[in-house]
Each structure stands twice: as C-alpha cells, then as structure tokens.
Amino acid sequence: MDSVDFQNVRLLDVTLRDGGYVNRHSWAADQAERVVRSVVRAGVERVEVGYFRPRRHDADGATAPTASCPSGFLARLRRAAPRARLAVMVRPGDTAPEDYAALPALGVTTVRFPVGPRNLAATRPHIEAVKAAGMAVGLNVIRVSELPPAEVVRIAERAEGDGADVFYLADSNGSLFPEDVARLVGEIRGHLAIPLGFHAHDGLHLAFGNALAALREGCAYLDASLGGMGKGGGNLRLDLIAGYLRSRGVRSLDIAPLARAAADVLEPWRTRDFTAEAESIVSGLLNLNLDEISAARERNDGRDLVSLLNR
C-alpha cells in the first residue's frame, strides 16, 4: 500500500442518496443540511444528495426530498454549505437532456449515471448535456459482480468514449472479495485514461478490505457513507476510510464531524436487525441483486433468505 498516491484519492459521500434506501428518502431538510455540512467540514470532496428526477418533484419534494432533489431542496443545501460540491444520481429515463442546465446554479458539480449493458447507449445524450452545462460526469456500472470482465471493459471503453470523467465499479450485490476487486480493477485500468472509482457494499463485511484493494490497484475515487448507511449490508463507512487516509499522514481529513453527525442524524435508522444482517450475508454469498431477493422471498412464502443456503 505504500506505493499508493493517497493525495490523489477522492471521496464521495453517498449517505443521503444510498442511505435513502434505508429510510425511504424521508430525510428532514435539517438532517440533510447537517449531513452536507459535516461532510464539508471533514474535508470530503463531494457529497451526493439524492436522485434527480424532475418529473417527481411535486410528488416527492416535501416528504422524500432526496428521491427527486427539487430545486428548493438543492438551494437550501447550497445555502447551508456554500463550499459543498454537490452530486446527484440520475437514471436517464427520469430526465430529459434539457433538465440539467439549471443544476450548476444550485451547487451541483457532478452528475452520475448508473449503467449496464442495456442502457449504455441511452446515456450518451445525457452525458453530452451534462458536459455542456459545465458539470462532471460519473458512470457507475452497477451489479459489476454479475458481469464478465470483458463486458465491463467494453462498457468502460464506451463510457470514456462518450465523455465520462470517472468510471465507477459498483459492487451492488456486495459479493466481491478483495482478490476479485484487485483483478477487476487491474484489468479495467489498463484500458482507460480516465480515473476509476469503486462503490462498495458491506454485506460480507468486506467493504473496507475491498476499498483498500481498489486503491492498491489504482482506483482514485471511493464512495462511502456515514455509519455505512445504505441498502443491503450498507456501504463503506466514511469515518473508517477517512480515518484510514488521515492515518497515512497525507490527507487532512477530520473524522470528528462525521462521527458526531452519524451519532445524531442516523440514530432513528441505526437499530441492529440481526435477521437483516444475516440476509445481507446470504445475498452476498449467493450473488443476489435486490430484484432476485424480492422474488426469492415470494417463492419462500415470506420467510427470510437464510434458509436458501440450506438448499
């Protein structure tokens, strides 16, 4: 690890967006402000504040602001933390290319798209519109553990050709092991000039080890969240990776505001559920995505997924 240039490692907080799967995006505005301020005070470069879905602003704006990121919500976050570099996640089917022009004035500097083999072509006009508005583009290849490496290479090369600034590998199922991450990142990196990022899930309690493996092979961007809050087994813990980078002596990250915010803001949703934790481990071991988990529950008459390992 000593050969890794930690000064080039950039963190993106995903608490509000990925954590929204835990609380159905029911963040109060003051909670969202607290998260953004704490992340900025810690020295984290970017904070992803939700999904941008303009057609759902009226439906989601008051009760689930991070589900659609209405302009009033984004403006409030910018006022609360003027130095924040906000990011939003967009599914291309939820927007039109002309929707992005208003985002820079609201503090958004990065737009990220979840992609896979089936929707990559549809993303190109959105990438062009985001770049024309002066923002950076990140493409997250989701459920990467389900794809052959050659397919990931093809998607990565297409993403770079279409203008992406960062290409993220998202372990959506939480199924990868450090050796898998090292092998995949090492192979993809040789085909790209743009930087790579890694989005870990912690169903097998390997998010931190996988993040280190990604760094060792040259990833420059990592996603993480306060307390590891996120869907399934959760995400890489932001305080953990920030503390680790600080311990290397080259990053002036401050984990104190992260720890305080996690304790105060996340308390209503951080109760331990051992059944859910066990199911996350099983889903990771069996390489199941959320759709397959739901279908398995239905086939299993509503019982938990742990019994699937006994079949």
C-alpha atoms as a PDB file:
ATOM      1  CA  MET A   1       0.000   0.000   0.000  1.00  0.00           C
ATOM      2  CA  ASP A   2       2.933   2.375   0.467  1.00  0.00           C
ATOM      3  CA  SER A   3       3.155   2.882  -3.295  1.00  0.00           C
ATOM      4  CA  VAL A   4      -0.383   4.292  -3.480  1.00  0.00           C
ATOM      5  CA  ASP A   5      -0.567   8.050  -4.005  1.00  0.00           C
ATOM      6  CA  PHE A   6      -3.146   8.875  -1.331  1.00  0.00           C
ATOM      7  CA  GLN A   7      -3.104  12.545  -2.260  1.00  0.00           C
ATOM      8  CA  ASN A   8      -4.991  11.605  -5.419  1.00  0.00           C
ATOM      9  CA  VAL A   9      -7.688   9.590  -3.607  1.00  0.00           C
ATOM     10  CA  ARG A  10     -11.040  11.392  -3.642  1.00  0.00           C
ATOM     11  CA  LEU A  11     -14.056  10.540  -1.506  1.00  0.00           C
ATOM     12  CA  LEU A  12     -17.705  10.968  -2.397  1.00  0.00           C
ATOM     13  CA  ASP A  13     -20.276  10.770   0.398  1.00  0.00           C
ATOM     14  CA  VAL A  14     -23.440   8.831  -0.543  1.00  0.00           C
ATOM     15  CA  THR A  15     -25.291   8.994   2.791  1.00  0.00           C
ATOM     16  CA  LEU A  16     -28.326  10.905   1.564  1.00  0.00           C
ATOM     17  CA  ARG A  17     -28.679   9.058  -1.727  1.00  0.00           C
ATOM     18  CA  ASP A  18     -27.809   5.453  -0.849  1.00  0.00           C
ATOM     19  CA  GLY A  19     -28.968   5.867   2.750  1.00  0.00           C
ATOM     20  CA  GLY A  20     -32.322   6.833   1.295  1.00  0.00           C
ATOM     21  CA  TYR A  21     -32.925   3.136   0.635  1.00  0.00           C
ATOM     22  CA  VAL A  22     -32.974   2.641   4.406  1.00  0.00           C
ATOM     23  CA  ASN A  23     -35.408   5.447   5.324  1.00  0.00           C
ATOM     24  CA  ARG A  24     -37.321   5.702   2.031  1.00  0.00           C
ATOM     25  CA  HIS A  25     -35.692   9.066   1.382  1.00  0.00           C
ATOM     26  CA  SER A  26     -37.569  10.609   4.310  1.00  0.00           C
ATOM     27  CA  TRP A  27     -34.723  12.910   5.367  1.00  0.00           C
ATOM     28  CA  ALA A  28     -35.865  16.099   7.012  1.00  0.00           C
ATOM     29  CA  ALA A  29     -34.287  19.173   5.468  1.00  0.00           C
ATOM     30  CA  ASP A  30     -32.312  19.955   8.624  1.00  0.00           C
ATOM     31  CA  GLN A  31     -30.938  16.403   8.689  1.00  0.00           C
ATOM     32  CA  ALA A  32     -29.807  16.702   5.084  1.00  0.00           C
ATOM     33  CA  GLU A  33     -28.178  20.053   5.879  1.00  0.00           C
ATOM     34  CA  ARG A  34     -26.349  18.514   8.820  1.00  0.00           C
ATOM     35  CA  VAL A  35     -25.004  15.690   6.678  1.00  0.00           C
ATOM     36  CA  VAL A  36     -23.743  18.068   3.987  1.00  0.00           C
ATOM     37  CA  ARG A  37     -22.153  20.488   6.456  1.00  0.00           C
ATOM     38  CA  SER A  38     -20.450  17.662   8.329  1.00  0.00           C
ATOM     39  CA  VAL A  39     -19.046  16.137   5.158  1.00  0.00           C
ATOM     40  CA  VAL A  40     -17.673  19.503   4.028  1.00  0.00           C
ATOM     41  CA  ARG A  41     -16.139  20.191   7.438  1.00  0.00           C
ATOM     42  CA  ALA A  42     -14.452  16.809   7.332  1.00  0.00           C
ATOM     43  CA  GLY A  43     -12.707  17.745   4.094  1.00  0.00           C
ATOM     44  CA  VAL A  44     -14.543  15.224   1.898  1.00  0.00           C
ATOM     45  CA  GLU A  45     -14.544  16.380  -1.699  1.00  0.00           C
ATOM     46  CA  ARG A  46     -18.108  15.674  -2.857  1.00  0.00           C
ATOM     47  CA  VAL A  47     -21.487  14.784  -1.408  1.00  0.00           C
ATOM     48  CA  GLU A  48     -24.183  13.021  -3.411  1.00  0.00           C
ATOM     49  CA  VAL A  49     -27.512  14.355  -2.182  1.00  0.00           C
ATOM     50  CA  GLY A  50     -30.031  12.122  -3.939  1.00  0.00           C
ATOM     51  CA  TYR A  51     -31.640  11.148  -7.213  1.00  0.00           C
ATOM     52  CA  PHE A  52     -32.519  13.916  -9.647  1.00  0.00           C
ATOM     53  CA  ARG A  53     -35.993  13.215 -11.035  1.00  0.00           C
ATOM     54  CA  PRO A  54     -37.653  16.461 -12.182  1.00  0.00           C
ATOM     55  CA  ARG A  55     -40.941  14.799 -13.106  1.00  0.00           C
ATOM     56  CA  ARG A  56     -41.408  13.702  -9.489  1.00  0.00           C
ATOM     57  CA  HIS A  57     -40.622  16.957  -7.703  1.00  0.00           C
ATOM     58  CA  ASP A  58     -44.244  17.616  -6.808  1.00  0.00           C
ATOM     59  CA  ALA A  59     -44.819  14.067  -5.577  1.00  0.00           C
ATOM     60  CA  ASP A  60     -41.587  13.628  -3.603  1.00  0.00           C
ATOM     61  CA  GLY A  61     -40.423  17.125  -2.760  1.00  0.00           C
ATOM     62  CA  ALA A  62     -41.934  17.554   0.707  1.00  0.00           C
ATOM     63  CA  THR A  63     -41.771  14.031   2.132  1.00  0.00           C
ATOM     64  CA  ALA A  64     -38.873  12.418   0.240  1.00  0.00           C
ATOM     65  CA  PRO A  65     -36.581  15.227  -0.976  1.00  0.00           C
ATOM     66  CA  THR A  66     -33.600  13.008  -1.795  1.00  0.00           C
ATOM     67  CA  ALA A  67     -35.791  10.860  -4.051  1.00  0.00           C
ATOM     68  CA  SER A  68     -36.088  13.652  -6.633  1.00  0.00           C
ATOM     69  CA  CYS A  69     -33.939  16.635  -5.489  1.00  0.00           C
ATOM     70  CA  PRO A  70     -36.300  19.556  -6.176  1.00  0.00           C
ATOM     71  CA  SER A  71     -34.640  22.922  -6.758  1.00  0.00           C
ATOM     72  CA  GLY A  72     -35.705  24.330  -3.392  1.00  0.00           C
ATOM     73  CA  PHE A  73     -34.034  21.430  -1.608  1.00  0.00           C
ATOM     74  CA  LEU A  74     -30.785  21.824  -3.552  1.00  0.00           C
ATOM     75  CA  ALA A  75     -30.787  25.579  -2.996  1.00  0.00           C
ATOM     76  CA  ARG A  76     -31.246  25.064   0.733  1.00  0.00           C
ATOM     77  CA  LEU A  77     -28.289  22.687   0.885  1.00  0.00           C
ATOM     78  CA  ARG A  78     -26.138  25.144  -1.002  1.00  0.00           C
ATOM     79  CA  ARG A  79     -27.029  27.928   1.429  1.00  0.00           C
ATOM     80  CA  ALA A  80     -26.262  25.648   4.375  1.00  0.00           C
ATOM     81  CA  ALA A  81     -22.845  24.697   2.968  1.00  0.00           C
ATOM     82  CA  PRO A  82     -21.714  27.131   0.256  1.00  0.00           C
ATOM     83  CA  ARG A  83     -18.421  25.283  -0.257  1.00  0.00           C
ATOM     84  CA  ALA A  84     -20.126  21.950  -0.877  1.00  0.00           C
ATOM     85  CA  ARG A  85     -19.627  20.296  -4.245  1.00  0.00           C
ATOM     86  CA  LEU A  86     -22.952  18.566  -4.695  1.00  0.00           C
ATOM     87  CA  ALA A  87     -23.579  15.497  -6.833  1.00  0.00           C
ATOM     88  CA  VAL A  88     -26.801  13.845  -7.968  1.00  0.00           C
ATOM     89  CA  MET A  89     -27.547  10.415  -9.382  1.00  0.00           C
ATOM     90  CA  VAL A  90     -29.742  10.225 -12.483  1.00  0.00           C
ATOM     91  CA  ARG A  91     -31.446   7.368 -14.250  1.00  0.00           C
ATOM     92  CA  PRO A  92     -31.711   8.606 -17.864  1.00  0.00           C
ATOM     93  CA  GLY A  93     -35.350   7.551 -18.119  1.00  0.00           C
ATOM     94  CA  ASP A  94     -36.220  10.016 -15.357  1.00  0.00           C
ATOM     95  CA  THR A  95     -34.900  13.118 -17.128  1.00  0.00           C
ATOM     96  CA  ALA A  96     -34.580  14.891 -20.458  1.00  0.00           C
ATOM     97  CA  PRO A  97     -31.265  16.396 -21.607  1.00  0.00           C
ATOM     98  CA  GLU A  98     -32.601  19.934 -21.168  1.00  0.00           C
ATOM     99  CA  ASP A  99     -33.231  19.327 -17.449  1.00  0.00           C
ATOM    100  CA  TYR A 100     -29.568  19.618 -16.486  1.00  0.00           C
ATOM    101  CA  ALA A 101     -28.955  23.263 -17.377  1.00  0.00           C
ATOM    102  CA  ALA A 102     -30.377  24.552 -14.071  1.00  0.00           C
ATOM    103  CA  LEU A 103     -28.248  22.345 -11.824  1.00  0.00           C
ATOM    104  CA  PRO A 104     -24.932  24.280 -11.691  1.00  0.00           C
ATOM    105  CA  ALA A 105     -26.656  27.362 -10.239  1.00  0.00           C
ATOM    106  CA  LEU A 106     -27.913  25.113  -7.431  1.00  0.00           C
ATOM    107  CA  GLY A 107     -24.422  23.943  -6.487  1.00  0.00           C
ATOM    108  CA  VAL A 108     -24.350  20.669  -8.419  1.00  0.00           C
ATOM    109  CA  THR A 109     -20.913  19.968  -9.889  1.00  0.00           C
ATOM    110  CA  THR A 110     -21.236  16.256 -10.713  1.00  0.00           C
ATOM    111  CA  VAL A 111     -23.943  14.083 -12.253  1.00  0.00           C
ATOM    112  CA  ARG A 112     -23.638  10.312 -12.052  1.00  0.00           C
ATOM    113  CA  PHE A 113     -25.479   7.690 -14.067  1.00  0.00           C
ATOM    114  CA  PRO A 114     -25.978   4.012 -13.170  1.00  0.00           C
ATOM    115  CA  VAL A 115     -25.293   1.986 -16.302  1.00  0.00           C
ATOM    116  CA  GLY A 116     -25.268  -1.569 -17.535  1.00  0.00           C
ATOM    117  CA  PRO A 117     -25.154  -3.370 -20.873  1.00  0.00           C
ATOM    118  CA  ARG A 118     -28.749  -2.480 -21.716  1.00  0.00           C
ATOM    119  CA  ASN A 119     -28.896   1.266 -21.077  1.00  0.00           C
ATOM    120  CA  LEU A 120     -25.426   2.475 -22.018  1.00  0.00           C
ATOM    121  CA  ALA A 121     -26.422   3.838 -25.424  1.00  0.00           C
ATOM    122  CA  ALA A 122     -29.350   5.788 -23.950  1.00  0.00           C
ATOM    123  CA  THR A 123     -26.983   7.624 -21.613  1.00  0.00           C
ATOM    124  CA  ARG A 124     -24.909   9.356 -24.295  1.00  0.00           C
ATOM    125  CA  PRO A 125     -27.171  12.403 -24.970  1.00  0.00           C
ATOM    126  CA  HIS A 126     -27.426  12.935 -21.211  1.00  0.00           C
ATOM    127  CA  ILE A 127     -23.650  12.896 -20.852  1.00  0.00           C
ATOM    128  CA  GLU A 128     -23.382  15.477 -23.617  1.00  0.00           C
ATOM    129  CA  ALA A 129     -25.991  17.714 -21.938  1.00  0.00           C
ATOM    130  CA  VAL A 130     -24.296  17.491 -18.538  1.00  0.00           C
ATOM    131  CA  LYS A 131     -20.899  18.343 -20.031  1.00  0.00           C
ATOM    132  CA  ALA A 132     -22.418  21.232 -21.986  1.00  0.00           C
ATOM    133  CA  ALA A 133     -23.767  22.611 -18.691  1.00  0.00           C
ATOM    134  CA  GLY A 134     -20.226  22.570 -17.253  1.00  0.00           C
ATOM    135  CA  MET A 135     -20.555  19.645 -14.853  1.00  0.00           C
ATOM    136  CA  ALA A 136     -18.519  16.459 -14.471  1.00  0.00           C
ATOM    137  CA  VAL A 137     -19.934  13.046 -15.360  1.00  0.00           C
ATOM    138  CA  GLY A 138     -19.522   9.798 -13.464  1.00  0.00           C
ATOM    139  CA  LEU A 139     -20.754   6.470 -14.841  1.00  0.00           C
ATOM    140  CA  ASN A 140     -21.390   3.692 -12.324  1.00  0.00           C
ATOM    141  CA  VAL A 141     -21.528   0.209 -13.807  1.00  0.00           C
ATOM    142  CA  ILE A 142     -23.949  -1.483 -11.413  1.00  0.00           C
ATOM    143  CA  ARG A 143     -24.029  -5.120 -10.271  1.00  0.00           C
ATOM    144  CA  VAL A 144     -20.500  -5.457 -11.589  1.00  0.00           C
ATOM    145  CA  SER A 145     -20.110  -8.871  -9.930  1.00  0.00           C
ATOM    146  CA  GLU A 146     -22.682 -10.271 -12.371  1.00  0.00           C
ATOM    147  CA  LEU A 147     -20.771  -9.190 -15.488  1.00  0.00           C
ATOM    148  CA  PRO A 148     -17.848 -10.898 -17.233  1.00  0.00           C
ATOM    149  CA  PRO A 149     -14.700  -8.749 -17.094  1.00  0.00           C
ATOM    150  CA  ALA A 150     -14.694  -8.431 -20.891  1.00  0.00           C
ATOM    151  CA  GLU A 151     -18.159  -6.888 -20.743  1.00  0.00           C
ATOM    152  CA  VAL A 152     -17.049  -4.417 -18.076  1.00  0.00           C
ATOM    153  CA  VAL A 153     -14.102  -3.451 -20.281  1.00  0.00           C
ATOM    154  CA  ARG A 154     -16.470  -2.860 -23.189  1.00  0.00           C
ATOM    155  CA  ILE A 155     -18.752  -0.658 -21.053  1.00  0.00           C
ATOM    156  CA  ALA A 156     -15.765   1.239 -19.639  1.00  0.00           C
ATOM    157  CA  GLU A 157     -14.309   1.989 -23.064  1.00  0.00           C
ATOM    158  CA  ARG A 158     -17.693   3.136 -24.328  1.00  0.00           C
ATOM    159  CA  ALA A 159     -18.157   5.330 -21.249  1.00  0.00           C
ATOM    160  CA  GLU A 160     -14.808   7.013 -21.800  1.00  0.00           C
ATOM    161  CA  GLY A 161     -15.540   7.477 -25.483  1.00  0.00           C
ATOM    162  CA  ASP A 162     -18.882   9.083 -24.665  1.00  0.00           C
ATOM    163  CA  GLY A 163     -17.211  11.632 -22.379  1.00  0.00           C
ATOM    164  CA  ALA A 164     -17.366  10.246 -18.832  1.00  0.00           C
ATOM    165  CA  ASP A 165     -14.890  11.832 -16.413  1.00  0.00           C
ATOM    166  CA  VAL A 166     -14.847   8.947 -13.907  1.00  0.00           C
ATOM    167  CA  PHE A 167     -15.853   5.296 -14.319  1.00  0.00           C
ATOM    168  CA  TYR A 168     -17.068   3.594 -11.140  1.00  0.00           C
ATOM    169  CA  LEU A 169     -17.297  -0.107 -10.437  1.00  0.00           C
ATOM    170  CA  ALA A 170     -20.301  -0.678  -8.159  1.00  0.00           C
ATOM    171  CA  ASP A 171     -20.363  -3.886  -6.130  1.00  0.00           C
ATOM    172  CA  SER A 172     -24.145  -3.549  -5.819  1.00  0.00           C
ATOM    173  CA  ASN A 173     -24.628  -7.118  -4.580  1.00  0.00           C
ATOM    174  CA  GLY A 174     -21.826  -6.930  -2.011  1.00  0.00           C
ATOM    175  CA  SER A 175     -20.420 -10.140  -3.471  1.00  0.00           C
ATOM    176  CA  LEU A 176     -16.832  -9.274  -4.369  1.00  0.00           C
ATOM    177  CA  PHE A 177     -13.786 -10.322  -2.373  1.00  0.00           C
ATOM    178  CA  PRO A 178     -10.550  -8.286  -2.280  1.00  0.00           C
ATOM    179  CA  GLU A 179      -8.876 -10.572  -4.803  1.00  0.00           C
ATOM    180  CA  ASP A 180     -11.850 -10.119  -7.140  1.00  0.00           C
ATOM    181  CA  VAL A 181     -11.638  -6.337  -6.812  1.00  0.00           C
ATOM    182  CA  ALA A 182      -7.888  -6.302  -7.402  1.00  0.00           C
ATOM    183  CA  ARG A 183      -8.191  -8.459 -10.502  1.00  0.00           C
ATOM    184  CA  LEU A 184     -11.103  -6.453 -11.958  1.00  0.00           C
ATOM    185  CA  VAL A 185      -9.654  -3.005 -11.259  1.00  0.00           C
ATOM    186  CA  GLY A 186      -6.260  -4.063 -12.563  1.00  0.00           C
ATOM    187  CA  GLU A 187      -7.776  -5.285 -15.812  1.00  0.00           C
ATOM    188  CA  ILE A 188     -10.045  -2.281 -16.378  1.00  0.00           C
ATOM    189  CA  ARG A 189      -7.369   0.279 -15.521  1.00  0.00           C
ATOM    190  CA  GLY A 190      -5.220  -0.867 -18.409  1.00  0.00           C
ATOM    191  CA  HIS A 191      -7.958   0.082 -20.883  1.00  0.00           C
ATOM    192  CA  LEU A 192      -8.811   3.586 -19.619  1.00  0.00           C
ATOM    193  CA  ALA A 193      -7.213   7.004 -19.437  1.00  0.00           C
ATOM    194  CA  ILE A 194      -9.928   8.420 -17.142  1.00  0.00           C
ATOM    195  CA  PRO A 195      -9.791   7.652 -13.396  1.00  0.00           C
ATOM    196  CA  LEU A 196     -11.557   4.698 -11.827  1.00  0.00           C
ATOM    197  CA  GLY A 197     -13.828   4.719  -8.792  1.00  0.00           C
ATOM    198  CA  PHE A 198     -15.197   1.981  -6.547  1.00  0.00           C
ATOM    199  CA  HIS A 199     -18.559   1.740  -4.780  1.00  0.00           C
ATOM    200  CA  ALA A 200     -18.512  -0.946  -2.092  1.00  0.00           C
ATOM    201  CA  HIS A 201     -21.334  -2.681  -0.254  1.00  0.00           C
ATOM    202  CA  ASP A 202     -20.713  -4.387   3.050  1.00  0.00           C
ATOM    203  CA  GLY A 203     -22.940  -7.473   3.045  1.00  0.00           C
ATOM    204  CA  LEU A 204     -19.906  -9.702   3.638  1.00  0.00           C
ATOM    205  CA  HIS A 205     -18.171  -7.089   5.859  1.00  0.00           C
ATOM    206  CA  LEU A 206     -15.545  -6.655   3.158  1.00  0.00           C
ATOM    207  CA  ALA A 207     -16.262  -3.081   2.062  1.00  0.00           C
ATOM    208  CA  PHE A 208     -13.150  -1.705   3.740  1.00  0.00           C
ATOM    209  CA  GLY A 209     -10.880  -4.516   2.537  1.00  0.00           C
ATOM    210  CA  ASN A 210     -12.313  -4.203  -0.958  1.00  0.00           C
ATOM    211  CA  ALA A 211     -11.780  -0.440  -0.910  1.00  0.00           C
ATOM    212  CA  LEU A 212      -8.132  -0.942   0.017  1.00  0.00           C
ATOM    213  CA  ALA A 213      -7.748  -3.486  -2.759  1.00  0.00           C
ATOM    214  CA  ALA A 214      -9.249  -0.975  -5.206  1.00  0.00           C
ATOM    215  CA  LEU A 215      -6.819   1.710  -4.025  1.00  0.00           C
ATOM    216  CA  ARG A 216      -3.894  -0.663  -4.324  1.00  0.00           C
ATOM    217  CA  GLU A 217      -4.727  -1.289  -7.970  1.00  0.00           C
ATOM    218  CA  GLY A 218      -5.082   2.394  -8.813  1.00  0.00           C
ATOM    219  CA  CYS A 219      -8.648   3.497  -8.083  1.00  0.00           C
ATOM    220  CA  ALA A 220      -8.747   7.226  -7.420  1.00  0.00           C
ATOM    221  CA  TYR A 221     -12.346   7.629  -6.206  1.00  0.00           C
ATOM    222  CA  LEU A 222     -14.231   5.878  -3.398  1.00  0.00           C
ATOM    223  CA  ASP A 223     -17.882   6.118  -2.338  1.00  0.00           C
ATOM    224  CA  ALA A 224     -18.691   5.926   1.371  1.00  0.00           C
ATOM    225  CA  SER A 225     -21.453   6.916   3.799  1.00  0.00           C
ATOM    226  CA  LEU A 226     -21.889   7.981   7.395  1.00  0.00           C
ATOM    227  CA  GLY A 227     -22.056   4.890   9.562  1.00  0.00           C
ATOM    228  CA  GLY A 228     -22.034   2.803   6.400  1.00  0.00           C
ATOM    229  CA  MET A 229     -25.730   3.610   5.931  1.00  0.00           C
ATOM    230  CA  GLY A 230     -27.025   2.199   2.654  1.00  0.00           C
ATOM    231  CA  LYS A 231     -29.076  -0.524   1.058  1.00  0.00           C
ATOM    232  CA  GLY A 232     -28.475  -4.190   1.728  1.00  0.00           C
ATOM    233  CA  GLY A 233     -25.500  -4.673   4.017  1.00  0.00           C
ATOM    234  CA  GLY A 234     -24.652  -0.983   3.875  1.00  0.00           C
ATOM    235  CA  ASN A 235     -21.725   0.860   2.338  1.00  0.00           C
ATOM    236  CA  LEU A 236     -18.108   1.557   3.112  1.00  0.00           C
ATOM    237  CA  ARG A 237     -18.060   3.618   6.321  1.00  0.00           C
ATOM    238  CA  LEU A 238     -16.968   7.165   5.604  1.00  0.00           C
ATOM    239  CA  ASP A 239     -15.436   7.689   9.031  1.00  0.00           C
ATOM    240  CA  LEU A 240     -13.418   4.497   8.644  1.00  0.00           C
ATOM    241  CA  ILE A 241     -11.923   5.258   5.239  1.00  0.00           C
ATOM    242  CA  ALA A 242     -11.413   8.940   6.124  1.00  0.00           C
ATOM    243  CA  GLY A 243      -9.643   7.941   9.330  1.00  0.00           C
ATOM    244  CA  TYR A 244      -7.501   5.475   7.446  1.00  0.00           C
ATOM    245  CA  LEU A 245      -6.455   8.041   4.858  1.00  0.00           C
ATOM    246  CA  ARG A 246      -5.707  10.542   7.599  1.00  0.00           C
ATOM    247  CA  SER A 247      -3.582   7.944   9.389  1.00  0.00           C
ATOM    248  CA  ARG A 248      -1.362   7.741   6.319  1.00  0.00           C
ATOM    249  CA  GLY A 249      -0.350  11.312   7.057  1.00  0.00           C
ATOM    250  CA  VAL A 250      -1.119  12.808   3.648  1.00  0.00           C
ATOM    251  CA  ARG A 251      -4.788  13.811   3.925  1.00  0.00           C
ATOM    252  CA  SER A 252      -6.116  16.436   6.339  1.00  0.00           C
ATOM    253  CA  LEU A 253      -9.495  14.750   6.801  1.00  0.00           C
ATOM    254  CA  ASP A 254     -11.313  15.294  10.097  1.00  0.00           C
ATOM    255  CA  ILE A 255     -13.447  12.377  11.226  1.00  0.00           C
ATOM    256  CA  ALA A 256     -14.919  14.185  14.258  1.00  0.00           C
ATOM    257  CA  PRO A 257     -17.790  15.905  12.380  1.00  0.00           C
ATOM    258  CA  LEU A 258     -18.533  12.627  10.609  1.00  0.00           C
ATOM    259  CA  ALA A 259     -18.758  10.703  13.861  1.00  0.00           C
ATOM    260  CA  ARG A 260     -20.941  13.342  15.501  1.00  0.00           C
ATOM    261  CA  ALA A 261     -23.293  13.529  12.533  1.00  0.00           C
ATOM    262  CA  ALA A 262     -23.573   9.746  12.343  1.00  0.00           C
ATOM    263  CA  ALA A 263     -24.465   9.558  16.033  1.00  0.00           C
ATOM    264  CA  ASP A 264     -27.006  12.382  15.908  1.00  0.00           C
ATOM    265  CA  VAL A 265     -28.612  12.201  12.472  1.00  0.00           C
ATOM    266  CA  LEU A 266     -28.664   8.459  11.826  1.00  0.00           C
ATOM    267  CA  GLU A 267     -29.889   7.293  15.226  1.00  0.00           C
ATOM    268  CA  PRO A 268     -33.516   6.607  14.154  1.00  0.00           C
ATOM    269  CA  TRP A 269     -32.307   4.176  11.471  1.00  0.00           C
ATOM    270  CA  ARG A 270     -29.276   2.530  13.032  1.00  0.00           C
ATOM    271  CA  THR A 271     -31.004  -0.115  15.188  1.00  0.00           C
ATOM    272  CA  ARG A 272     -29.473  -3.554  14.700  1.00  0.00           C
ATOM    273  CA  ASP A 273     -31.524  -6.156  12.900  1.00  0.00           C
ATOM    274  CA  PHE A 274     -29.711  -9.484  13.012  1.00  0.00           C
ATOM    275  CA  THR A 275     -32.106 -11.138  10.552  1.00  0.00           C
ATOM    276  CA  ALA A 276     -31.486  -8.424   8.010  1.00  0.00           C
ATOM    277  CA  GLU A 277     -27.723  -8.683   8.574  1.00  0.00           C
ATOM    278  CA  ALA A 278     -27.845 -12.429   8.043  1.00  0.00           C
ATOM    279  CA  GLU A 279     -29.877 -11.961   4.871  1.00  0.00           C
ATOM    280  CA  SER A 280     -27.294  -9.487   3.589  1.00  0.00           C
ATOM    281  CA  ILE A 281     -24.562 -12.061   4.114  1.00  0.00           C
ATOM    282  CA  VAL A 282     -26.584 -14.715   2.297  1.00  0.00           C
ATOM    283  CA  SER A 283     -27.420 -12.400  -0.597  1.00  0.00           C
ATOM    284  CA  GLY A 284     -23.738 -11.538  -0.919  1.00  0.00           C
ATOM    285  CA  LEU A 285     -22.621 -15.164  -0.860  1.00  0.00           C
ATOM    286  CA  LEU A 286     -25.249 -16.119  -3.424  1.00  0.00           C
ATOM    287  CA  ASN A 287     -24.591 -13.028  -5.570  1.00  0.00           C
ATOM    288  CA  LEU A 288     -28.242 -11.933  -5.499  1.00  0.00           C
ATOM    289  CA  ASN A 289     -29.451  -8.489  -6.506  1.00  0.00           C
ATOM    290  CA  LEU A 290     -32.413  -6.775  -4.871  1.00  0.00           C
ATOM    291  CA  ASP A 291     -34.887  -7.929  -7.535  1.00  0.00           C
ATOM    292  CA  GLU A 292     -33.818 -11.538  -7.089  1.00  0.00           C
ATOM    293  CA  ILE A 293     -34.038 -11.196  -3.303  1.00  0.00           C
ATOM    294  CA  SER A 294     -37.632  -9.990  -3.538  1.00  0.00           C
ATOM    295  CA  ALA A 295     -38.523 -12.842  -5.876  1.00  0.00           C
ATOM    296  CA  ALA A 296     -36.848 -15.345  -3.558  1.00  0.00           C
ATOM    297  CA  ARG A 297     -38.865 -14.049  -0.613  1.00  0.00           C
ATOM    298  CA  GLU A 298     -42.070 -14.521  -2.583  1.00  0.00           C
ATOM    299  CA  ARG A 299     -41.097 -18.055  -3.565  1.00  0.00           C
ATOM    300  CA  ASN A 300     -40.140 -18.716   0.052  1.00  0.00           C
ATOM    301  CA  ASP A 301     -43.599 -17.705   1.355  1.00  0.00           C
ATOM    302  CA  GLY A 302     -42.249 -14.586   3.025  1.00  0.00           C
ATOM    303  CA  ARG A 303     -39.652 -16.367   5.150  1.00  0.00           C
ATOM    304  CA  ASP A 304     -36.176 -14.908   5.484  1.00  0.00           C
ATOM    305  CA  LEU A 305     -33.458 -15.767   2.993  1.00  0.00           C
ATOM    306  CA  VAL A 306     -31.149 -17.561   5.393  1.00  0.00           C
ATOM    307  CA  SER A 307     -32.790 -20.913   4.607  1.00  0.00           C
ATOM    308  CA  LEU A 308     -31.701 -20.551   0.978  1.00  0.00           C
ATOM    309  CA  LEU A 309     -28.179 -21.604   1.968  1.00  0.00           C
ATOM    310  CA  ASN A 310     -29.563 -24.955   3.146  1.00  0.00           C
ATOM    311  CA  ARG A 311     -30.896 -25.877  -0.301  1.00  0.00           C
END
